[in-house]
PDB file of all heavy atoms in Angstrom:
ATOM      1  N   LEU A   1       0.818  -1.204   0.009  1.00  0.00           N
ATOM      2  CA  LEU A   1       0.005   0.001  -0.014  1.00  0.00           C
ATOM      3  C   LEU A   1       0.845   1.253   0.004  1.00  0.00           C
ATOM      4  O   LEU A   1       1.878   1.316   0.658  1.00  0.00           O
ATOM      5  CB  LEU A   1      -0.881   0.043   1.237  1.00  0.00           C
ATOM      6  CG  LEU A   1      -2.149  -0.725   1.239  1.00  0.00           C
ATOM      7  CD1 LEU A   1      -2.858  -0.576   2.575  1.00  0.00           C
ATOM      8  CD2 LEU A   1      -3.063  -0.272   0.133  1.00  0.00           C
ATOM      9  N   ARG A   2       0.395   2.255  -0.745  1.00  0.00           N
ATOM     10  CA  ARG A   2       1.000   3.593  -0.625  1.00  0.00           C
ATOM     11  C   ARG A   2      -0.101   4.584  -0.939  1.00  0.00           C
ATOM     12  O   ARG A   2      -0.951   4.354  -1.786  1.00  0.00           O
ATOM     13  CB  ARG A   2       2.191   3.737  -1.571  1.00  0.00           C
ATOM     14  CG  ARG A   2       1.908   3.475  -3.028  1.00  0.00           C
ATOM     15  CD  ARG A   2       3.165   3.547  -3.871  1.00  0.00           C
ATOM     16  NE  ARG A   2       2.820   3.317  -5.260  1.00  0.00           N
ATOM     17  CZ  ARG A   2       3.672   3.374  -6.250  1.00  0.00           C
ATOM     18  NH1 ARG A   2       4.931   3.660  -5.997  1.00  0.00           N
ATOM     19  NH2 ARG A   2       3.284   3.149  -7.472  1.00  0.00           N
ATOM     20  N   GLY A   3      -0.092   5.706  -0.255  1.00  0.00           N
ATOM     21  CA  GLY A   3      -1.064   6.748  -0.475  1.00  0.00           C
ATOM     22  C   GLY A   3      -2.307   6.588   0.364  1.00  0.00           C
ATOM     23  O   GLY A   3      -2.303   5.963   1.408  1.00  0.00           O
ATOM     24  N   VAL A   4      -3.382   7.205  -0.134  1.00  0.00           N
ATOM     25  CA  VAL A   4      -4.659   7.215   0.576  1.00  0.00           C
ATOM     26  C   VAL A   4      -5.773   6.742  -0.384  1.00  0.00           C
ATOM     27  O   VAL A   4      -5.633   6.851  -1.569  1.00  0.00           O
ATOM     28  CB  VAL A   4      -5.000   8.665   1.092  1.00  0.00           C
ATOM     29  CG1 VAL A   4      -4.012   9.102   2.129  1.00  0.00           C
ATOM     30  CG2 VAL A   4      -5.051   9.638  -0.071  1.00  0.00           C
ATOM     31  N   PRO A   5      -6.867   6.223   0.163  1.00  0.00           N
ATOM     32  CA  PRO A   5      -7.934   5.707  -0.700  1.00  0.00           C
ATOM     33  C   PRO A   5      -8.579   6.806  -1.519  1.00  0.00           C
ATOM     34  O   PRO A   5      -8.825   7.901  -1.019  1.00  0.00           O
ATOM     35  CB  PRO A   5      -8.957   5.128   0.289  1.00  0.00           C
ATOM     36  CG  PRO A   5      -8.347   5.191   1.615  1.00  0.00           C
ATOM     37  CD  PRO A   5      -7.150   6.018   1.593  1.00  0.00           C
ATOM     38  N   GLU A   6      -8.764   6.536  -2.806  1.00  0.00           N
ATOM     39  CA  GLU A   6      -9.398   7.468  -3.718  1.00  0.00           C
ATOM     40  C   GLU A   6     -10.816   7.005  -4.032  1.00  0.00           C
ATOM     41  O   GLU A   6     -11.766   7.733  -3.880  1.00  0.00           O
ATOM     42  CB  GLU A   6      -8.591   7.571  -5.012  1.00  0.00           C
ATOM     43  CG  GLU A   6      -9.188   8.495  -6.067  1.00  0.00           C
ATOM     44  CD  GLU A   6      -9.050   9.922  -5.766  1.00  0.00           C
ATOM     45  OE1 GLU A   6      -8.217  10.306  -4.900  1.00  0.00           O
ATOM     46  OE2 GLU A   6      -9.774  10.719  -6.329  1.00  0.00           O
ATOM     47  N   ARG A   7     -10.927   5.761  -4.499  1.00  0.00           N
ATOM     48  CA  ARG A   7     -12.215   5.152  -4.815  1.00  0.00           C
ATOM     49  C   ARG A   7     -12.240   3.783  -4.153  1.00  0.00           C
ATOM     50  O   ARG A   7     -11.209   3.138  -4.051  1.00  0.00           O
ATOM     51  CB  ARG A   7     -12.387   5.026  -6.309  1.00  0.00           C
ATOM     52  CG  ARG A   7     -12.509   6.350  -7.009  1.00  0.00           C
ATOM     53  CD  ARG A   7     -12.457   6.209  -8.480  1.00  0.00           C
ATOM     54  NE  ARG A   7     -13.610   5.432  -8.984  1.00  0.00           N
ATOM     55  CZ  ARG A   7     -13.697   4.991 -10.213  1.00  0.00           C
ATOM     56  NH1 ARG A   7     -12.732   5.238 -11.078  1.00  0.00           N
ATOM     57  NH2 ARG A   7     -14.759   4.338 -10.609  1.00  0.00           N
ATOM     58  N   GLY A   8     -13.415   3.324  -3.821  1.00  0.00           N
ATOM     59  CA  GLY A   8     -13.504   2.033  -3.174  1.00  0.00           C
ATOM     60  C   GLY A   8     -13.633   2.198  -1.669  1.00  0.00           C
ATOM     61  O   GLY A   8     -13.587   3.316  -1.165  1.00  0.00           O
ATOM     62  N   ARG A   9     -13.750   1.117  -0.997  1.00  0.00           N
ATOM     63  CA  ARG A   9     -13.923   1.167   0.442  1.00  0.00           C
ATOM     64  C   ARG A   9     -12.657   0.733   1.161  1.00  0.00           C
ATOM     65  O   ARG A   9     -11.901  -0.109   0.674  1.00  0.00           O
ATOM     66  CB  ARG A   9     -15.068   0.284   0.873  1.00  0.00           C
ATOM     67  CG  ARG A   9     -16.351   0.786   0.362  1.00  0.00           C
ATOM     68  CD  ARG A   9     -17.478   0.106   1.017  1.00  0.00           C
ATOM     69  NE  ARG A   9     -18.719   0.636   0.450  1.00  0.00           N
ATOM     70  CZ  ARG A   9     -19.891   0.363   0.918  1.00  0.00           C
ATOM     71  NH1 ARG A   9     -20.017  -0.436   1.939  1.00  0.00           N
ATOM     72  NH2 ARG A   9     -20.947   0.885   0.382  1.00  0.00           N
ATOM     73  N   ARG A  10     -12.469   1.296   2.304  1.00  0.00           N
ATOM     74  CA  ARG A  10     -11.322   0.942   3.113  1.00  0.00           C
ATOM     75  C   ARG A  10     -11.812   0.236   4.368  1.00  0.00           C
ATOM     76  O   ARG A  10     -12.402   0.848   5.257  1.00  0.00           O
ATOM     77  CB  ARG A  10     -10.557   2.212   3.478  1.00  0.00           C
ATOM     78  CG  ARG A  10      -9.368   1.919   4.268  1.00  0.00           C
ATOM     79  CD  ARG A  10      -8.622   3.213   4.536  1.00  0.00           C
ATOM     80  NE  ARG A  10      -7.607   3.001   5.502  1.00  0.00           N
ATOM     81  CZ  ARG A  10      -6.909   3.970   6.057  1.00  0.00           C
ATOM     82  NH1 ARG A  10      -7.124   5.214   5.695  1.00  0.00           N
ATOM     83  NH2 ARG A  10      -5.976   3.709   6.949  1.00  0.00           N
ATOM     84  N   ARG A  11     -11.623  -1.044   4.402  1.00  0.00           N
ATOM     85  CA  ARG A  11     -11.962  -1.859   5.577  1.00  0.00           C
ATOM     86  C   ARG A  11     -10.663  -2.275   6.232  1.00  0.00           C
ATOM     87  O   ARG A  11      -9.674  -2.508   5.551  1.00  0.00           O
ATOM     88  CB  ARG A  11     -12.763  -3.108   5.151  1.00  0.00           C
ATOM     89  CG  ARG A  11     -14.128  -2.752   4.639  1.00  0.00           C
ATOM     90  CD  ARG A  11     -14.897  -3.902   4.089  1.00  0.00           C
ATOM     91  NE  ARG A  11     -14.840  -5.071   4.904  1.00  0.00           N
ATOM     92  CZ  ARG A  11     -15.218  -6.284   4.500  1.00  0.00           C
ATOM     93  NH1 ARG A  11     -15.680  -6.428   3.282  1.00  0.00           N
ATOM     94  NH2 ARG A  11     -15.147  -7.309   5.298  1.00  0.00           N
ATOM     95  N   PRO A  12     -10.666  -2.402   7.527  1.00  0.00           N
ATOM     96  CA  PRO A  12      -9.428  -2.834   8.199  1.00  0.00           C
ATOM     97  C   PRO A  12      -8.927  -4.148   7.618  1.00  0.00           C
ATOM     98  O   PRO A  12      -9.660  -5.110   7.454  1.00  0.00           O
ATOM     99  CB  PRO A  12      -9.834  -3.011   9.661  1.00  0.00           C
ATOM    100  CG  PRO A  12     -11.051  -2.133   9.817  1.00  0.00           C
ATOM    101  CD  PRO A  12     -11.723  -2.169   8.473  1.00  0.00           C
ATOM    102  N   ALA A  13      -7.670  -4.177   7.247  1.00  0.00           N
ATOM    103  CA  ALA A  13      -6.984  -5.355   6.750  1.00  0.00           C
ATOM    104  C   ALA A  13      -7.536  -5.857   5.405  1.00  0.00           C
ATOM    105  O   ALA A  13      -7.265  -6.967   5.010  1.00  0.00           O
ATOM    106  CB  ALA A  13      -6.968  -6.487   7.768  1.00  0.00           C
ATOM    107  N   ARG A  14      -8.346  -5.059   4.695  1.00  0.00           N
ATOM    108  CA  ARG A  14      -8.865  -5.454   3.389  1.00  0.00           C
ATOM    109  C   ARG A  14      -9.035  -4.238   2.452  1.00  0.00           C
ATOM    110  O   ARG A  14     -10.129  -3.980   1.986  1.00  0.00           O
ATOM    111  CB  ARG A  14     -10.205  -6.165   3.533  1.00  0.00           C
ATOM    112  CG  ARG A  14      -9.986  -7.540   4.143  1.00  0.00           C
ATOM    113  CD  ARG A  14     -11.156  -8.402   4.095  1.00  0.00           C
ATOM    114  NE  ARG A  14     -11.456  -8.851   2.760  1.00  0.00           N
ATOM    115  CZ  ARG A  14     -12.497  -9.601   2.500  1.00  0.00           C
ATOM    116  NH1 ARG A  14     -13.342  -9.962   3.443  1.00  0.00           N
ATOM    117  NH2 ARG A  14     -12.728  -9.994   1.291  1.00  0.00           N
ATOM    118  N   PRO A  15      -7.950  -3.526   2.187  1.00  0.00           N
ATOM    119  CA  PRO A  15      -8.075  -2.384   1.280  1.00  0.00           C
ATOM    120  C   PRO A  15      -8.419  -2.838  -0.125  1.00  0.00           C
ATOM    121  O   PRO A  15      -7.937  -3.845  -0.615  1.00  0.00           O
ATOM    122  CB  PRO A  15      -6.691  -1.720   1.300  1.00  0.00           C
ATOM    123  CG  PRO A  15      -5.778  -2.751   1.862  1.00  0.00           C
ATOM    124  CD  PRO A  15      -6.596  -3.693   2.660  1.00  0.00           C
ATOM    125  N   LEU A  16      -9.320  -2.062  -0.760  1.00  0.00           N
ATOM    126  CA  LEU A  16      -9.808  -2.430  -2.094  1.00  0.00           C
ATOM    127  C   LEU A  16     -10.162  -1.151  -2.843  1.00  0.00           C
ATOM    128  O   LEU A  16     -10.816  -0.272  -2.316  1.00  0.00           O
ATOM    129  CB  LEU A  16     -11.081  -3.291  -1.934  1.00  0.00           C
ATOM    130  CG  LEU A  16     -11.808  -3.683  -3.232  1.00  0.00           C
ATOM    131  CD1 LEU A  16     -10.940  -4.611  -4.054  1.00  0.00           C
ATOM    132  CD2 LEU A  16     -13.126  -4.360  -2.880  1.00  0.00           C
ATOM    133  N   GLY A  17      -9.667  -1.046  -4.093  1.00  0.00           N
ATOM    134  CA  GLY A  17     -10.007   0.103  -4.912  1.00  0.00           C
ATOM    135  C   GLY A  17      -8.780   0.865  -5.331  1.00  0.00           C
ATOM    136  O   GLY A  17      -7.644   0.356  -5.283  1.00  0.00           O
ATOM    137  N   GLU A  18      -8.958   2.115  -5.721  1.00  0.00           N
ATOM    138  CA  GLU A  18      -7.863   2.963  -6.154  1.00  0.00           C
ATOM    139  C   GLU A  18      -7.325   3.781  -4.983  1.00  0.00           C
ATOM    140  O   GLU A  18      -8.088   4.331  -4.193  1.00  0.00           O
ATOM    141  CB  GLU A  18      -8.303   3.906  -7.290  1.00  0.00           C
ATOM    142  CG  GLU A  18      -8.514   3.194  -8.569  1.00  0.00           C
ATOM    143  CD  GLU A  18      -8.751   4.137  -9.742  1.00  0.00           C
ATOM    144  OE1 GLU A  18      -8.365   5.344  -9.666  1.00  0.00           O
ATOM    145  OE2 GLU A  18      -9.360   3.697 -10.720  1.00  0.00           O
ATOM    146  N   TRP A  19      -5.992   3.871  -4.924  1.00  0.00           N
ATOM    147  CA  TRP A  19      -5.308   4.648  -3.907  1.00  0.00           C
ATOM    148  C   TRP A  19      -4.461   5.703  -4.604  1.00  0.00           C
ATOM    149  O   TRP A  19      -3.751   5.393  -5.573  1.00  0.00           O
ATOM    150  CB  TRP A  19      -4.425   3.750  -3.055  1.00  0.00           C
ATOM    151  CG  TRP A  19      -5.246   2.884  -2.107  1.00  0.00           C
ATOM    152  CD1 TRP A  19      -6.221   2.000  -2.457  1.00  0.00           C
ATOM    153  CD2 TRP A  19      -5.196   2.897  -0.698  1.00  0.00           C
ATOM    154  NE1 TRP A  19      -6.770   1.456  -1.327  1.00  0.00           N
ATOM    155  CE2 TRP A  19      -6.154   1.958  -0.237  1.00  0.00           C
ATOM    156  CE3 TRP A  19      -4.432   3.575   0.234  1.00  0.00           C
ATOM    157  CZ2 TRP A  19      -6.373   1.719   1.101  1.00  0.00           C
ATOM    158  CZ3 TRP A  19      -4.621   3.304   1.575  1.00  0.00           C
ATOM    159  CH2 TRP A  19      -5.601   2.399   2.007  1.00  0.00           C
ATOM    160  N   ARG A  20      -4.563   6.924  -4.146  1.00  0.00           N
ATOM    161  CA  ARG A  20      -3.865   8.058  -4.737  1.00  0.00           C
ATOM    162  C   ARG A  20      -2.589   8.347  -3.919  1.00  0.00           C
ATOM    163  O   ARG A  20      -2.590   8.281  -2.697  1.00  0.00           O
ATOM    164  CB  ARG A  20      -4.779   9.264  -4.709  1.00  0.00           C
ATOM    165  CG  ARG A  20      -4.235  10.544  -5.211  1.00  0.00           C
ATOM    166  CD  ARG A  20      -5.289  11.645  -5.197  1.00  0.00           C
ATOM    167  NE  ARG A  20      -6.237  11.592  -4.102  1.00  0.00           N
ATOM    168  CZ  ARG A  20      -6.087  12.224  -2.941  1.00  0.00           C
ATOM    169  NH1 ARG A  20      -5.035  12.928  -2.711  1.00  0.00           N
ATOM    170  NH2 ARG A  20      -6.998  12.122  -2.003  1.00  0.00           N
ATOM    171  N   HIS A  21      -1.526   8.692  -4.655  1.00  0.00           N
ATOM    172  CA  HIS A  21      -0.267   9.052  -4.005  1.00  0.00           C
ATOM    173  C   HIS A  21       0.467  10.003  -4.950  1.00  0.00           C
ATOM    174  O   HIS A  21       0.040  10.245  -6.066  1.00  0.00           O
ATOM    175  CB  HIS A  21       0.592   7.804  -3.692  1.00  0.00           C
ATOM    176  CG  HIS A  21       0.808   6.918  -4.899  1.00  0.00           C
ATOM    177  ND1 HIS A  21       1.795   7.098  -5.802  1.00  0.00           N
ATOM    178  CD2 HIS A  21       0.090   5.843  -5.328  1.00  0.00           C
ATOM    179  CE1 HIS A  21       1.711   6.188  -6.741  1.00  0.00           C
ATOM    180  NE2 HIS A  21       0.687   5.411  -6.482  1.00  0.00           N
ATOM    181  N   PRO A  22       1.596  10.619  -4.491  1.00  0.00           N
ATOM    182  CA  PRO A  22       2.261  11.634  -5.329  1.00  0.00           C
ATOM    183  C   PRO A  22       2.740  11.144  -6.688  1.00  0.00           C
ATOM    184  O   PRO A  22       2.830  11.937  -7.628  1.00  0.00           O
ATOM    185  CB  PRO A  22       3.478  12.038  -4.477  1.00  0.00           C
ATOM    186  CG  PRO A  22       3.072  11.772  -3.079  1.00  0.00           C
ATOM    187  CD  PRO A  22       2.188  10.545  -3.170  1.00  0.00           C
ATOM    188  N   ARG A  23       2.968   9.880  -6.882  1.00  0.00           N
ATOM    189  CA  ARG A  23       3.448   9.353  -8.171  1.00  0.00           C
ATOM    190  C   ARG A  23       2.310   8.842  -9.062  1.00  0.00           C
ATOM    191  O   ARG A  23       2.575   8.279 -10.122  1.00  0.00           O
ATOM    192  CB  ARG A  23       4.459   8.257  -7.957  1.00  0.00           C
ATOM    193  CG  ARG A  23       5.755   8.793  -7.405  1.00  0.00           C
ATOM    194  CD  ARG A  23       6.818   7.680  -7.408  1.00  0.00           C
ATOM    195  NE  ARG A  23       7.434   7.728  -6.090  1.00  0.00           N
ATOM    196  CZ  ARG A  23       7.733   6.669  -5.370  1.00  0.00           C
ATOM    197  NH1 ARG A  23       7.488   5.471  -5.786  1.00  0.00           N
ATOM    198  NH2 ARG A  23       8.324   6.801  -4.210  1.00  0.00           N
ATOM    199  N   GLY A  24       1.066   8.952  -8.651  1.00  0.00           N
ATOM    200  CA  GLY A  24      -0.039   8.475  -9.453  1.00  0.00           C
ATOM    201  C   GLY A  24      -1.095   7.771  -8.630  1.00  0.00           C
ATOM    202  O   GLY A  24      -1.424   8.157  -7.528  1.00  0.00           O
ATOM    203  N   ARG A  25      -1.627   6.686  -9.200  1.00  0.00           N
ATOM    204  CA  ARG A  25      -2.663   5.889  -8.551  1.00  0.00           C
ATOM    205  C   ARG A  25      -2.305   4.395  -8.634  1.00  0.00           C
ATOM    206  O   ARG A  25      -1.685   3.976  -9.618  1.00  0.00           O
ATOM    207  CB  ARG A  25      -4.011   6.096  -9.233  1.00  0.00           C
ATOM    208  CG  ARG A  25      -4.533   7.495  -9.072  1.00  0.00           C
ATOM    209  CD  ARG A  25      -5.803   7.671  -9.904  1.00  0.00           C
ATOM    210  NE  ARG A  25      -6.126   9.060  -9.976  1.00  0.00           N
ATOM    211  CZ  ARG A  25      -7.153   9.608  -9.355  1.00  0.00           C
ATOM    212  NH1 ARG A  25      -7.932   8.877  -8.594  1.00  0.00           N
ATOM    213  NH2 ARG A  25      -7.374  10.899  -9.459  1.00  0.00           N
ATOM    214  N   ASP A  26      -2.761   3.671  -7.644  1.00  0.00           N
ATOM    215  CA  ASP A  26      -2.600   2.233  -7.606  1.00  0.00           C
ATOM    216  C   ASP A  26      -3.980   1.603  -7.492  1.00  0.00           C
ATOM    217  O   ASP A  26      -4.890   2.148  -6.872  1.00  0.00           O
ATOM    218  CB  ASP A  26      -1.784   1.770  -6.395  1.00  0.00           C
ATOM    219  CG  ASP A  26      -0.376   2.349  -6.398  1.00  0.00           C
ATOM    220  OD1 ASP A  26       0.085   2.839  -7.415  1.00  0.00           O
ATOM    221  OD2 ASP A  26       0.258   2.304  -5.318  1.00  0.00           O
ATOM    222  N   PHE A  27      -4.137   0.406  -8.077  1.00  0.00           N
ATOM    223  CA  PHE A  27      -5.337  -0.380  -7.805  1.00  0.00           C
ATOM    224  C   PHE A  27      -4.929  -1.512  -6.902  1.00  0.00           C
ATOM    225  O   PHE A  27      -4.005  -2.258  -7.207  1.00  0.00           O
ATOM    226  CB  PHE A  27      -5.963  -0.931  -9.100  1.00  0.00           C
ATOM    227  CG  PHE A  27      -7.249  -1.653  -8.798  1.00  0.00           C
ATOM    228  CD1 PHE A  27      -8.419  -0.941  -8.704  1.00  0.00           C
ATOM    229  CD2 PHE A  27      -7.266  -2.997  -8.583  1.00  0.00           C
ATOM    230  CE1 PHE A  27      -9.624  -1.582  -8.388  1.00  0.00           C
ATOM    231  CE2 PHE A  27      -8.426  -3.647  -8.251  1.00  0.00           C
ATOM    232  CZ  PHE A  27      -9.621  -2.948  -8.173  1.00  0.00           C
ATOM    233  N   VAL A  28      -5.614  -1.617  -5.777  1.00  0.00           N
ATOM    234  CA  VAL A  28      -5.275  -2.669  -4.817  1.00  0.00           C
ATOM    235  C   VAL A  28      -6.517  -3.524  -4.472  1.00  0.00           C
ATOM    236  O   VAL A  28      -7.646  -2.991  -4.433  1.00  0.00           O
ATOM    237  CB  VAL A  28      -4.679  -2.089  -3.503  1.00  0.00           C
ATOM    238  CG1 VAL A  28      -3.421  -1.317  -3.806  1.00  0.00           C
ATOM    239  CG2 VAL A  28      -5.662  -1.198  -2.820  1.00  0.00           C
ATOM    240  N   ALA A  29      -6.298  -4.785  -4.258  1.00  0.00           N
ATOM    241  CA  ALA A  29      -7.266  -5.713  -3.726  1.00  0.00           C
ATOM    242  C   ALA A  29      -6.501  -6.631  -2.797  1.00  0.00           C
ATOM    243  O   ALA A  29      -5.989  -7.666  -3.206  1.00  0.00           O
ATOM    244  CB  ALA A  29      -7.962  -6.490  -4.860  1.00  0.00           C
ATOM    245  N   LEU A  30      -6.380  -6.206  -1.543  1.00  0.00           N
ATOM    246  CA  LEU A  30      -5.505  -6.867  -0.601  1.00  0.00           C
ATOM    247  C   LEU A  30      -6.295  -7.454   0.568  1.00  0.00           C
ATOM    248  O   LEU A  30      -7.341  -6.960   0.925  1.00  0.00           O
ATOM    249  CB  LEU A  30      -4.449  -5.894  -0.084  1.00  0.00           C
ATOM    250  CG  LEU A  30      -3.536  -5.266  -1.144  1.00  0.00           C
ATOM    251  CD1 LEU A  30      -2.727  -4.123  -0.561  1.00  0.00           C
ATOM    252  CD2 LEU A  30      -2.636  -6.355  -1.718  1.00  0.00           C
ATOM    253  N   ARG A  31      -5.734  -8.518   1.163  1.00  0.00           N
ATOM    254  CA  ARG A  31      -6.332  -9.192   2.329  1.00  0.00           C
ATOM    255  C   ARG A  31      -5.223  -9.533   3.290  1.00  0.00           C
ATOM    256  O   ARG A  31      -4.153  -9.981   2.870  1.00  0.00           O
ATOM    257  CB  ARG A  31      -7.001 -10.486   1.950  1.00  0.00           C
ATOM    258  CG  ARG A  31      -8.268 -10.331   1.168  1.00  0.00           C
ATOM    259  CD  ARG A  31      -8.843 -11.687   0.928  1.00  0.00           C
ATOM    260  NE  ARG A  31     -10.133 -11.562   0.265  1.00  0.00           N
ATOM    261  CZ  ARG A  31     -11.070 -12.452   0.334  1.00  0.00           C
ATOM    262  NH1 ARG A  31     -10.882 -13.582   0.967  1.00  0.00           N
ATOM    263  NH2 ARG A  31     -12.238 -12.292  -0.259  1.00  0.00           N
ATOM    264  N   SER A  32      -5.506  -9.393   4.558  1.00  0.00           N
ATOM    265  CA  SER A  32      -4.505  -9.794   5.547  1.00  0.00           C
ATOM    266  C   SER A  32      -4.406 -11.343   5.530  1.00  0.00           C
ATOM    267  O   SER A  32      -5.352 -12.025   5.219  1.00  0.00           O
ATOM    268  CB  SER A  32      -4.908  -9.324   6.954  1.00  0.00           C
ATOM    269  OG  SER A  32      -6.104  -9.931   7.356  1.00  0.00           O
ATOM    270  N   GLY A  33      -3.221 -11.830   5.832  1.00  0.00           N
ATOM    271  CA  GLY A  33      -3.009 -13.259   5.835  1.00  0.00           C
ATOM    272  C   GLY A  33      -2.597 -13.843   4.518  1.00  0.00           C
ATOM    273  O   GLY A  33      -2.308 -15.050   4.418  1.00  0.00           O
ATOM    274  N   TYR A  34      -2.562 -13.066   3.445  1.00  0.00           N
ATOM    275  CA  TYR A  34      -2.164 -13.521   2.125  1.00  0.00           C
ATOM    276  C   TYR A  34      -1.036 -12.654   1.615  1.00  0.00           C
ATOM    277  O   TYR A  34      -1.027 -11.439   1.866  1.00  0.00           O
ATOM    278  CB  TYR A  34      -3.320 -13.411   1.129  1.00  0.00           C
ATOM    279  CG  TYR A  34      -4.419 -14.396   1.386  1.00  0.00           C
ATOM    280  CD1 TYR A  34      -5.525 -14.040   2.174  1.00  0.00           C
ATOM    281  CD2 TYR A  34      -4.399 -15.636   0.821  1.00  0.00           C
ATOM    282  CE1 TYR A  34      -6.554 -14.941   2.410  1.00  0.00           C
ATOM    283  CE2 TYR A  34      -5.424 -16.558   1.038  1.00  0.00           C
ATOM    284  CZ  TYR A  34      -6.488 -16.192   1.835  1.00  0.00           C
ATOM    285  OH  TYR A  34      -7.508 -17.071   2.048  1.00  0.00           O
ATOM    286  N   PRO A  35      -0.103 -13.223   0.876  1.00  0.00           N
ATOM    287  CA  PRO A  35       0.951 -12.408   0.274  1.00  0.00           C
ATOM    288  C   PRO A  35       0.359 -11.573  -0.869  1.00  0.00           C
ATOM    289  O   PRO A  35      -0.696 -11.917  -1.421  1.00  0.00           O
ATOM    290  CB  PRO A  35       1.963 -13.417  -0.281  1.00  0.00           C
ATOM    291  CG  PRO A  35       1.172 -14.679  -0.476  1.00  0.00           C
ATOM    292  CD  PRO A  35       0.098 -14.646   0.566  1.00  0.00           C
TER     293      PRO A  35
END
């Protein structure tokens, strides 16, 4: 993860959606307990 949530929901240990940061945007679909 880097940045802050832009679109999507932010649930503890399950970030999902677009995250905005100084270098652009990332799409993440992450879960705790998984690489």
